[in-house]
N, C-alpha and C. Protein backbone atom coordinates (compact mmCIF):
# COMPACT_ATOMS: atom_id res chain seq x y z
N MET A 1 -20.53 37.57 14.71
CA MET A 1 -19.87 36.69 13.79
C MET A 1 -20.10 35.23 14.17
N GLU A 2 -20.00 34.92 15.48
CA GLU A 2 -20.19 33.54 15.92
C GLU A 2 -21.59 33.05 15.61
N ARG A 3 -22.55 33.96 15.60
CA ARG A 3 -23.94 33.57 15.34
C ARG A 3 -24.11 33.02 13.92
N VAL A 4 -23.21 33.38 13.03
CA VAL A 4 -23.28 32.91 11.65
C VAL A 4 -22.36 31.71 11.44
N ILE A 5 -21.14 31.79 11.95
CA ILE A 5 -20.14 30.75 11.68
C ILE A 5 -20.52 29.40 12.29
N PHE A 6 -20.91 29.37 13.55
CA PHE A 6 -21.21 28.10 14.20
C PHE A 6 -22.41 27.38 13.58
N PRO A 7 -23.53 28.04 13.36
CA PRO A 7 -24.64 27.32 12.71
C PRO A 7 -24.29 26.86 11.30
N ASP A 8 -23.61 27.72 10.55
CA ASP A 8 -23.23 27.32 9.19
C ASP A 8 -22.26 26.15 9.21
N SER A 9 -21.35 26.14 10.18
CA SER A 9 -20.38 25.04 10.28
C SER A 9 -21.07 23.73 10.60
N THR A 10 -22.04 23.76 11.51
CA THR A 10 -22.73 22.52 11.85
C THR A 10 -23.61 22.04 10.70
N ILE A 11 -24.20 22.97 9.98
CA ILE A 11 -24.99 22.58 8.80
C ILE A 11 -24.09 21.94 7.75
N LEU A 12 -22.91 22.52 7.54
CA LEU A 12 -21.95 21.96 6.59
C LEU A 12 -21.49 20.57 7.03
N ALA A 13 -21.19 20.42 8.32
CA ALA A 13 -20.75 19.11 8.84
C ALA A 13 -21.86 18.07 8.64
N ASP A 14 -23.09 18.44 8.91
CA ASP A 14 -24.22 17.53 8.72
C ASP A 14 -24.36 17.14 7.26
N TYR A 15 -24.22 18.10 6.37
CA TYR A 15 -24.32 17.84 4.94
C TYR A 15 -23.21 16.88 4.49
N LEU A 16 -21.97 17.11 4.94
CA LEU A 16 -20.85 16.26 4.56
C LEU A 16 -21.03 14.84 5.09
N LEU A 17 -21.51 14.71 6.31
CA LEU A 17 -21.75 13.38 6.87
C LEU A 17 -22.85 12.65 6.10
N ALA A 18 -23.91 13.37 5.75
CA ALA A 18 -25.00 12.76 4.98
C ALA A 18 -24.50 12.31 3.61
N LYS A 19 -23.72 13.15 2.95
CA LYS A 19 -23.17 12.78 1.63
C LYS A 19 -22.24 11.57 1.74
N THR A 20 -21.40 11.55 2.76
CA THR A 20 -20.46 10.44 2.95
C THR A 20 -21.22 9.15 3.24
N THR A 21 -22.23 9.22 4.08
CA THR A 21 -23.05 8.05 4.38
C THR A 21 -23.72 7.52 3.12
N ASP A 22 -24.27 8.41 2.33
CA ASP A 22 -24.92 8.01 1.07
C ASP A 22 -23.90 7.36 0.13
N LEU A 23 -22.73 7.95 0.05
CA LEU A 23 -21.68 7.41 -0.82
C LEU A 23 -21.30 5.99 -0.40
N ILE A 24 -21.11 5.80 0.88
CA ILE A 24 -20.72 4.47 1.38
C ILE A 24 -21.85 3.47 1.21
N ASP A 25 -23.09 3.91 1.44
CA ASP A 25 -24.23 3.01 1.27
C ASP A 25 -24.36 2.52 -0.17
N ARG A 26 -24.00 3.35 -1.13
CA ARG A 26 -24.15 2.99 -2.54
C ARG A 26 -22.85 2.49 -3.16
N LEU A 27 -21.81 2.36 -2.36
CA LEU A 27 -20.50 1.95 -2.86
C LEU A 27 -20.54 0.51 -3.36
N LEU A 28 -20.02 0.30 -4.54
CA LEU A 28 -19.91 -1.04 -5.11
C LEU A 28 -18.45 -1.45 -5.09
N VAL A 29 -18.18 -2.62 -4.55
CA VAL A 29 -16.81 -3.12 -4.44
C VAL A 29 -16.68 -4.36 -5.31
N TYR A 30 -15.67 -4.35 -6.15
CA TYR A 30 -15.38 -5.48 -7.03
C TYR A 30 -13.99 -6.02 -6.68
N PRO A 31 -13.92 -7.01 -5.78
CA PRO A 31 -12.62 -7.53 -5.34
C PRO A 31 -11.72 -8.00 -6.47
N GLU A 32 -12.29 -8.64 -7.48
CA GLU A 32 -11.47 -9.13 -8.59
C GLU A 32 -10.80 -7.96 -9.33
N ARG A 33 -11.56 -6.88 -9.52
CA ARG A 33 -11.01 -5.71 -10.20
C ARG A 33 -9.97 -5.02 -9.33
N MET A 34 -10.21 -5.00 -8.03
CA MET A 34 -9.24 -4.40 -7.11
C MET A 34 -7.91 -5.15 -7.19
N LYS A 35 -7.99 -6.48 -7.21
CA LYS A 35 -6.77 -7.28 -7.29
C LYS A 35 -6.07 -7.05 -8.63
N LYS A 36 -6.84 -6.97 -9.69
CA LYS A 36 -6.26 -6.72 -11.01
C LYS A 36 -5.55 -5.37 -11.04
N ASN A 37 -6.15 -4.36 -10.42
CA ASN A 37 -5.51 -3.04 -10.35
C ASN A 37 -4.21 -3.10 -9.56
N LEU A 38 -4.23 -3.82 -8.44
CA LEU A 38 -3.01 -3.96 -7.64
C LEU A 38 -1.92 -4.67 -8.44
N GLU A 39 -2.30 -5.72 -9.14
CA GLU A 39 -1.32 -6.49 -9.91
C GLU A 39 -0.80 -5.73 -11.12
N SER A 40 -1.55 -4.74 -11.58
CA SER A 40 -1.11 -3.96 -12.74
C SER A 40 0.14 -3.14 -12.45
N THR A 41 0.49 -3.00 -11.18
CA THR A 41 1.71 -2.25 -10.83
C THR A 41 2.97 -3.08 -10.99
N GLY A 42 2.80 -4.37 -11.25
CA GLY A 42 3.97 -5.23 -11.41
C GLY A 42 4.73 -5.44 -10.11
N GLY A 43 4.06 -5.21 -9.00
CA GLY A 43 4.69 -5.39 -7.70
C GLY A 43 5.27 -4.12 -7.11
N LEU A 44 5.14 -3.01 -7.79
CA LEU A 44 5.69 -1.75 -7.27
C LEU A 44 5.11 -1.35 -5.92
N ILE A 45 3.90 -1.78 -5.64
CA ILE A 45 3.28 -1.43 -4.36
C ILE A 45 4.00 -2.06 -3.18
N PHE A 46 4.86 -3.03 -3.45
CA PHE A 46 5.60 -3.70 -2.39
C PHE A 46 7.01 -3.13 -2.20
N SER A 47 7.33 -2.05 -2.87
CA SER A 47 8.68 -1.49 -2.77
C SER A 47 9.02 -1.09 -1.34
N GLY A 48 8.07 -0.55 -0.61
CA GLY A 48 8.32 -0.17 0.79
C GLY A 48 8.62 -1.38 1.65
N GLN A 49 7.87 -2.46 1.43
CA GLN A 49 8.10 -3.68 2.19
C GLN A 49 9.46 -4.28 1.84
N LEU A 50 9.83 -4.22 0.57
CA LEU A 50 11.15 -4.72 0.17
C LEU A 50 12.25 -3.94 0.87
N LEU A 51 12.10 -2.64 0.93
CA LEU A 51 13.08 -1.79 1.63
C LEU A 51 13.21 -2.24 3.09
N LEU A 52 12.09 -2.44 3.77
CA LEU A 52 12.12 -2.85 5.17
C LEU A 52 12.75 -4.23 5.33
N ASP A 53 12.42 -5.15 4.43
CA ASP A 53 12.98 -6.50 4.52
C ASP A 53 14.48 -6.51 4.27
N LEU A 54 14.95 -5.70 3.35
CA LEU A 54 16.40 -5.61 3.10
C LEU A 54 17.11 -5.02 4.30
N ALA A 55 16.54 -4.00 4.89
CA ALA A 55 17.15 -3.38 6.08
C ALA A 55 17.16 -4.39 7.23
N GLU A 56 16.09 -5.14 7.38
CA GLU A 56 16.03 -6.15 8.45
C GLU A 56 17.05 -7.26 8.22
N ALA A 57 17.35 -7.54 6.95
CA ALA A 57 18.31 -8.59 6.60
C ALA A 57 19.76 -8.13 6.73
N GLY A 58 19.97 -6.84 7.04
CA GLY A 58 21.33 -6.36 7.28
C GLY A 58 21.84 -5.30 6.34
N MET A 59 21.13 -4.97 5.31
CA MET A 59 21.57 -3.92 4.39
C MET A 59 21.30 -2.56 5.03
N LEU A 60 22.22 -1.64 4.86
CA LEU A 60 22.00 -0.29 5.36
C LEU A 60 20.75 0.29 4.69
N ARG A 61 19.95 0.98 5.47
CA ARG A 61 18.68 1.51 4.96
C ARG A 61 18.91 2.42 3.75
N GLU A 62 19.93 3.24 3.80
CA GLU A 62 20.21 4.15 2.68
C GLU A 62 20.57 3.38 1.42
N ASP A 63 21.35 2.32 1.57
CA ASP A 63 21.70 1.49 0.42
C ASP A 63 20.48 0.75 -0.12
N ALA A 64 19.66 0.25 0.81
CA ALA A 64 18.44 -0.45 0.40
C ALA A 64 17.51 0.51 -0.34
N TYR A 65 17.42 1.73 0.16
CA TYR A 65 16.55 2.72 -0.49
C TYR A 65 17.01 2.99 -1.92
N ARG A 66 18.29 3.22 -2.10
CA ARG A 66 18.81 3.49 -3.45
C ARG A 66 18.60 2.31 -4.38
N LEU A 67 18.84 1.11 -3.88
CA LEU A 67 18.68 -0.09 -4.69
C LEU A 67 17.21 -0.31 -5.09
N VAL A 68 16.33 -0.23 -4.12
CA VAL A 68 14.90 -0.42 -4.40
C VAL A 68 14.39 0.67 -5.33
N GLN A 69 14.80 1.91 -5.07
CA GLN A 69 14.34 3.02 -5.91
C GLN A 69 14.82 2.85 -7.35
N SER A 70 16.05 2.42 -7.54
CA SER A 70 16.55 2.26 -8.91
C SER A 70 15.76 1.19 -9.65
N HIS A 71 15.45 0.08 -8.98
CA HIS A 71 14.63 -0.96 -9.61
C HIS A 71 13.21 -0.47 -9.87
N ALA A 72 12.66 0.25 -8.92
CA ALA A 72 11.29 0.74 -9.07
C ALA A 72 11.18 1.73 -10.23
N MET A 73 12.10 2.66 -10.31
CA MET A 73 12.05 3.66 -11.38
C MET A 73 12.26 3.01 -12.74
N ARG A 74 13.20 2.08 -12.81
CA ARG A 74 13.45 1.40 -14.08
C ARG A 74 12.24 0.57 -14.50
N SER A 75 11.64 -0.13 -13.54
CA SER A 75 10.46 -0.94 -13.84
C SER A 75 9.32 -0.06 -14.32
N TRP A 76 9.16 1.09 -13.69
CA TRP A 76 8.07 2.00 -14.05
C TRP A 76 8.28 2.58 -15.45
N LYS A 77 9.49 3.07 -15.70
CA LYS A 77 9.79 3.73 -16.97
C LYS A 77 9.79 2.76 -18.15
N GLU A 78 10.27 1.54 -17.92
CA GLU A 78 10.41 0.57 -19.00
C GLU A 78 9.28 -0.47 -19.02
N ASP A 79 8.27 -0.27 -18.18
CA ASP A 79 7.12 -1.16 -18.09
C ASP A 79 7.55 -2.61 -17.85
N LEU A 80 8.40 -2.79 -16.84
CA LEU A 80 8.89 -4.10 -16.45
C LEU A 80 8.16 -4.56 -15.20
N VAL A 81 8.26 -5.83 -14.90
CA VAL A 81 7.67 -6.37 -13.68
C VAL A 81 8.70 -6.21 -12.55
N PHE A 82 8.37 -5.35 -11.60
CA PHE A 82 9.28 -5.02 -10.50
C PHE A 82 9.75 -6.27 -9.77
N ARG A 83 8.84 -7.15 -9.47
CA ARG A 83 9.20 -8.36 -8.73
C ARG A 83 10.23 -9.19 -9.49
N ASP A 84 10.06 -9.32 -10.79
CA ASP A 84 11.01 -10.09 -11.60
C ASP A 84 12.38 -9.41 -11.63
N GLU A 85 12.39 -8.10 -11.74
CA GLU A 85 13.66 -7.37 -11.77
C GLU A 85 14.41 -7.50 -10.45
N VAL A 86 13.68 -7.44 -9.37
CA VAL A 86 14.28 -7.58 -8.04
C VAL A 86 14.85 -8.97 -7.86
N ALA A 87 14.14 -9.97 -8.34
CA ALA A 87 14.58 -11.36 -8.19
C ALA A 87 15.86 -11.65 -8.97
N LYS A 88 16.20 -10.81 -9.94
CA LYS A 88 17.42 -10.99 -10.73
C LYS A 88 18.63 -10.32 -10.09
N ASP A 89 18.41 -9.46 -9.11
CA ASP A 89 19.50 -8.68 -8.51
C ASP A 89 20.24 -9.51 -7.46
N GLU A 90 21.53 -9.71 -7.68
CA GLU A 90 22.33 -10.53 -6.77
C GLU A 90 22.49 -9.90 -5.39
N LYS A 91 22.48 -8.56 -5.32
CA LYS A 91 22.59 -7.90 -4.01
C LYS A 91 21.37 -8.21 -3.16
N ILE A 92 20.24 -8.33 -3.80
CA ILE A 92 19.00 -8.62 -3.07
C ILE A 92 18.90 -10.10 -2.75
N THR A 93 19.16 -10.95 -3.74
CA THR A 93 19.03 -12.39 -3.52
C THR A 93 20.08 -12.92 -2.55
N ALA A 94 21.17 -12.18 -2.37
CA ALA A 94 22.16 -12.59 -1.38
C ALA A 94 21.62 -12.44 0.04
N LEU A 95 20.67 -11.52 0.21
CA LEU A 95 20.10 -11.28 1.54
C LEU A 95 18.72 -11.91 1.74
N LEU A 96 17.98 -12.03 0.66
CA LEU A 96 16.62 -12.56 0.76
C LEU A 96 16.49 -13.82 -0.09
N SER A 97 16.16 -14.90 0.56
CA SER A 97 15.95 -16.17 -0.15
C SER A 97 14.68 -16.06 -1.01
N PRO A 98 14.50 -16.97 -1.94
CA PRO A 98 13.26 -16.95 -2.73
C PRO A 98 12.00 -16.98 -1.85
N GLU A 99 12.06 -17.71 -0.74
CA GLU A 99 10.91 -17.77 0.17
C GLU A 99 10.66 -16.42 0.83
N LYS A 100 11.74 -15.75 1.28
CA LYS A 100 11.58 -14.44 1.91
C LYS A 100 11.14 -13.40 0.90
N LEU A 101 11.62 -13.53 -0.31
CA LEU A 101 11.21 -12.60 -1.37
C LEU A 101 9.73 -12.80 -1.70
N ALA A 102 9.28 -14.05 -1.71
CA ALA A 102 7.86 -14.32 -1.93
C ALA A 102 7.02 -13.72 -0.81
N LYS A 103 7.52 -13.78 0.42
CA LYS A 103 6.81 -13.19 1.56
C LYS A 103 6.75 -11.67 1.44
N THR A 104 7.80 -11.07 0.87
CA THR A 104 7.82 -9.62 0.67
C THR A 104 6.68 -9.19 -0.24
N PHE A 105 6.40 -9.99 -1.24
CA PHE A 105 5.38 -9.66 -2.24
C PHE A 105 4.03 -10.35 -1.97
N ASP A 106 3.78 -10.70 -0.73
CA ASP A 106 2.56 -11.42 -0.35
C ASP A 106 1.48 -10.44 0.12
N TYR A 107 0.34 -10.47 -0.56
CA TYR A 107 -0.78 -9.58 -0.20
C TYR A 107 -1.28 -9.87 1.21
N THR A 108 -1.35 -11.14 1.57
CA THR A 108 -1.90 -11.48 2.88
C THR A 108 -1.06 -10.90 4.01
N ARG A 109 0.22 -10.77 3.79
CA ARG A 109 1.08 -10.15 4.81
C ARG A 109 0.69 -8.69 5.01
N GLN A 110 0.41 -8.01 3.92
CA GLN A 110 0.05 -6.60 4.00
C GLN A 110 -1.34 -6.39 4.58
N LEU A 111 -2.21 -7.35 4.36
CA LEU A 111 -3.61 -7.20 4.79
C LEU A 111 -3.93 -7.97 6.06
N GLY A 112 -2.92 -8.52 6.69
CA GLY A 112 -3.12 -9.37 7.86
C GLY A 112 -3.83 -8.72 9.03
N ASN A 113 -3.70 -7.42 9.18
CA ASN A 113 -4.30 -6.73 10.33
C ASN A 113 -5.54 -5.92 9.99
N VAL A 114 -6.05 -6.08 8.78
CA VAL A 114 -7.19 -5.27 8.35
C VAL A 114 -8.40 -5.48 9.25
N ASP A 115 -8.71 -6.73 9.58
CA ASP A 115 -9.87 -7.00 10.42
C ASP A 115 -9.72 -6.34 11.80
N ALA A 116 -8.53 -6.42 12.37
CA ALA A 116 -8.29 -5.81 13.68
C ALA A 116 -8.42 -4.29 13.60
N ILE A 117 -7.95 -3.71 12.51
CA ILE A 117 -8.05 -2.26 12.34
C ILE A 117 -9.52 -1.84 12.24
N PHE A 118 -10.30 -2.55 11.42
CA PHE A 118 -11.72 -2.21 11.30
C PHE A 118 -12.44 -2.39 12.63
N THR A 119 -12.11 -3.45 13.34
CA THR A 119 -12.73 -3.67 14.65
C THR A 119 -12.42 -2.53 15.60
N ARG A 120 -11.18 -2.09 15.60
CA ARG A 120 -10.78 -1.00 16.49
C ARG A 120 -11.45 0.31 16.09
N VAL A 121 -11.51 0.58 14.79
CA VAL A 121 -12.09 1.84 14.30
C VAL A 121 -13.60 1.87 14.50
N LEU A 122 -14.24 0.77 14.16
CA LEU A 122 -15.69 0.73 14.23
C LEU A 122 -16.22 0.35 15.61
N GLY A 123 -15.32 -0.13 16.47
CA GLY A 123 -15.73 -0.46 17.82
C GLY A 123 -16.63 -1.68 17.91
N SER A 124 -16.56 -2.56 16.94
CA SER A 124 -17.43 -3.75 16.95
C SER A 124 -16.65 -4.95 17.37
């Protein structure tokens, strides 16, 4: 059995690596389109960061979770801008100033360690 499984497994691994390499070599990246796709969520992609920032500001994590989730679900169902809805909530604005709220929804904050991660992964 091993005489069949091991060679077949290595052939499969080689095939998958070759396909992945080819895919990455031919990959086209459109940064403007990527940003447009991210912005199409109305800020929903920052819901996790908002939860963390509210908890850091003193709100109980469970309360922050319920509050963020209610805004996120409402924004999703009613096609609202999550960031705008959050900015109207007095429970949130009592803990997060407009500057801190802007930092919550800042792409550069989320992407700040990307270069270090790639360096560590790729070993360059």
